[in-house]
Amino acid sequence: MSGFDERERTEEAKFRHQQELAFKIRNRRNKLFGLWVAEEHLGLKGEEALAYAKDVVMADFDLPGDEDLFSKVKADLAKAGKSLSDHLLKKHLDECEEIAKQQIMQE
């Protein structure tokens, strides 16, 4: 095996690892965000809040980006007769991402 092949394998492994970390962080971020919406704004607790957070995580697989996530949350808030600004939702999603990064890196 040549040095080039070894380096290529190392780079591919590094890339895979970075992609796995990014996936875990994004899913953790979405779960934390879903829990925040469930508990703070929809009045859900315990298993109901966890189930809602799981639904938020799954909603993010519909389309690239965060619009599918925001669409779900806004629709659910509207059904409950509540609304939050896009700015507040984005701000809290960013906060959840920072927390998720810290948690994943510590695991």
Protein backbone atom coordinates (compact mmCIF):
# COMPACT_ATOMS: atom_id res chain seq x y z
CA MET A 1 0.00 0.00 0.00
CA SER A 2 1.36 3.39 -0.93
CA GLY A 3 1.58 6.40 1.32
CA PHE A 4 -1.05 8.07 -0.82
CA ASP A 5 -3.50 5.21 -0.21
CA GLU A 6 -2.93 5.39 3.54
CA ARG A 7 -3.44 9.13 3.57
CA GLU A 8 -6.61 8.78 1.49
CA ARG A 9 -7.98 6.20 3.93
CA THR A 10 -7.11 8.41 6.88
CA GLU A 11 -8.84 11.42 5.30
CA GLU A 12 -11.92 9.35 4.49
CA ALA A 13 -12.10 8.06 8.07
CA LYS A 14 -11.72 11.59 9.41
CA PHE A 15 -14.47 12.84 7.10
CA ARG A 16 -16.81 10.00 8.16
CA HIS A 17 -16.15 10.78 11.81
CA GLN A 18 -16.90 14.49 11.28
CA GLN A 19 -20.12 13.63 9.45
CA GLU A 20 -21.21 11.30 12.26
CA LEU A 21 -20.52 13.99 14.86
CA ALA A 22 -22.45 16.58 12.85
CA PHE A 23 -25.39 14.17 12.55
CA LYS A 24 -25.41 13.45 16.29
CA ILE A 25 -25.15 17.13 17.16
CA ARG A 26 -27.98 18.07 14.80
CA ASN A 27 -30.28 15.35 16.18
CA ARG A 28 -29.44 16.26 19.79
CA ARG A 29 -30.04 19.94 18.97
CA ASN A 30 -33.43 19.12 17.50
CA LYS A 31 -34.38 16.97 20.49
CA LEU A 32 -33.43 19.74 22.93
CA PHE A 33 -35.35 22.26 20.83
CA GLY A 34 -38.39 19.96 20.71
CA LEU A 35 -38.28 19.50 24.47
CA TRP A 36 -38.11 23.27 24.97
CA VAL A 37 -41.14 23.84 22.73
CA ALA A 38 -43.05 20.96 24.33
CA GLU A 39 -42.42 21.91 27.95
CA GLU A 40 -42.28 25.70 27.80
CA HIS A 41 -44.87 26.48 25.15
CA LEU A 42 -47.16 23.48 24.65
CA GLY A 43 -47.42 22.44 28.30
CA LEU A 44 -46.31 18.86 27.67
CA LYS A 45 -44.44 16.92 30.33
CA GLY A 46 -42.65 13.60 30.67
CA GLU A 47 -43.36 11.02 27.98
CA GLU A 48 -45.54 13.42 26.00
CA ALA A 49 -42.70 15.96 25.83
CA LEU A 50 -40.23 13.25 24.79
CA ALA A 51 -42.60 11.98 22.10
CA TYR A 52 -43.02 15.52 20.79
CA ALA A 53 -39.24 16.03 20.75
CA LYS A 54 -38.89 12.81 18.75
CA ASP A 55 -41.46 14.12 16.26
CA VAL A 56 -39.43 17.32 15.91
CA VAL A 57 -36.28 15.30 15.24
CA MET A 58 -38.10 13.27 12.58
CA ALA A 59 -39.57 16.40 10.97
CA ASP A 60 -36.06 17.63 10.22
CA PHE A 61 -35.51 14.72 7.83
CA ASP A 62 -38.17 16.00 5.40
CA LEU A 63 -36.17 18.74 3.69
CA PRO A 64 -32.63 20.12 3.80
CA GLY A 65 -32.16 23.00 6.22
CA ASP A 66 -34.30 23.97 9.18
CA GLU A 67 -37.47 25.16 7.45
CA ASP A 68 -39.24 21.81 7.89
CA LEU A 69 -38.43 21.92 11.59
CA PHE A 70 -39.73 25.48 11.97
CA SER A 71 -42.85 24.70 9.92
CA LYS A 72 -43.76 21.81 12.22
CA VAL A 73 -43.18 23.79 15.40
CA LYS A 74 -45.07 26.85 14.15
CA ALA A 75 -48.03 24.70 13.05
CA ASP A 76 -48.13 22.94 16.42
CA LEU A 77 -47.93 26.25 18.27
CA ALA A 78 -50.72 27.66 16.10
CA LYS A 79 -52.92 24.64 16.91
CA ALA A 80 -52.35 25.40 20.59
CA GLY A 81 -53.29 29.05 20.02
CA LYS A 82 -49.74 30.28 20.56
CA SER A 83 -47.06 31.83 18.41
CA LEU A 84 -43.39 32.62 18.71
CA SER A 85 -41.38 34.89 16.47
CA ASP A 86 -39.02 33.43 13.91
CA HIS A 87 -36.24 35.32 15.66
CA LEU A 88 -36.95 33.67 19.02
CA LEU A 89 -37.22 30.22 17.47
CA LYS A 90 -33.93 30.64 15.59
CA LYS A 91 -32.21 32.06 18.67
CA HIS A 92 -33.27 29.14 20.81
CA LEU A 93 -32.36 26.61 18.11
CA ASP A 94 -28.86 28.15 18.03
CA GLU A 95 -28.64 27.88 21.82
CA CYS A 96 -29.70 24.24 21.64
CA GLU A 97 -26.98 23.61 19.06
CA GLU A 98 -24.29 24.96 21.39
CA ILE A 99 -25.57 22.79 24.24
CA ALA A 100 -25.73 19.76 21.92
CA LYS A 101 -22.13 20.32 20.79
CA GLN A 102 -20.93 20.45 24.38
CA GLN A 103 -22.86 17.32 25.33
CA ILE A 104 -21.72 15.26 22.35
CA MET A 105 -18.09 16.29 22.75
CA GLN A 106 -18.17 15.27 26.43
CA GLU A 107 -19.56 11.81 25.69
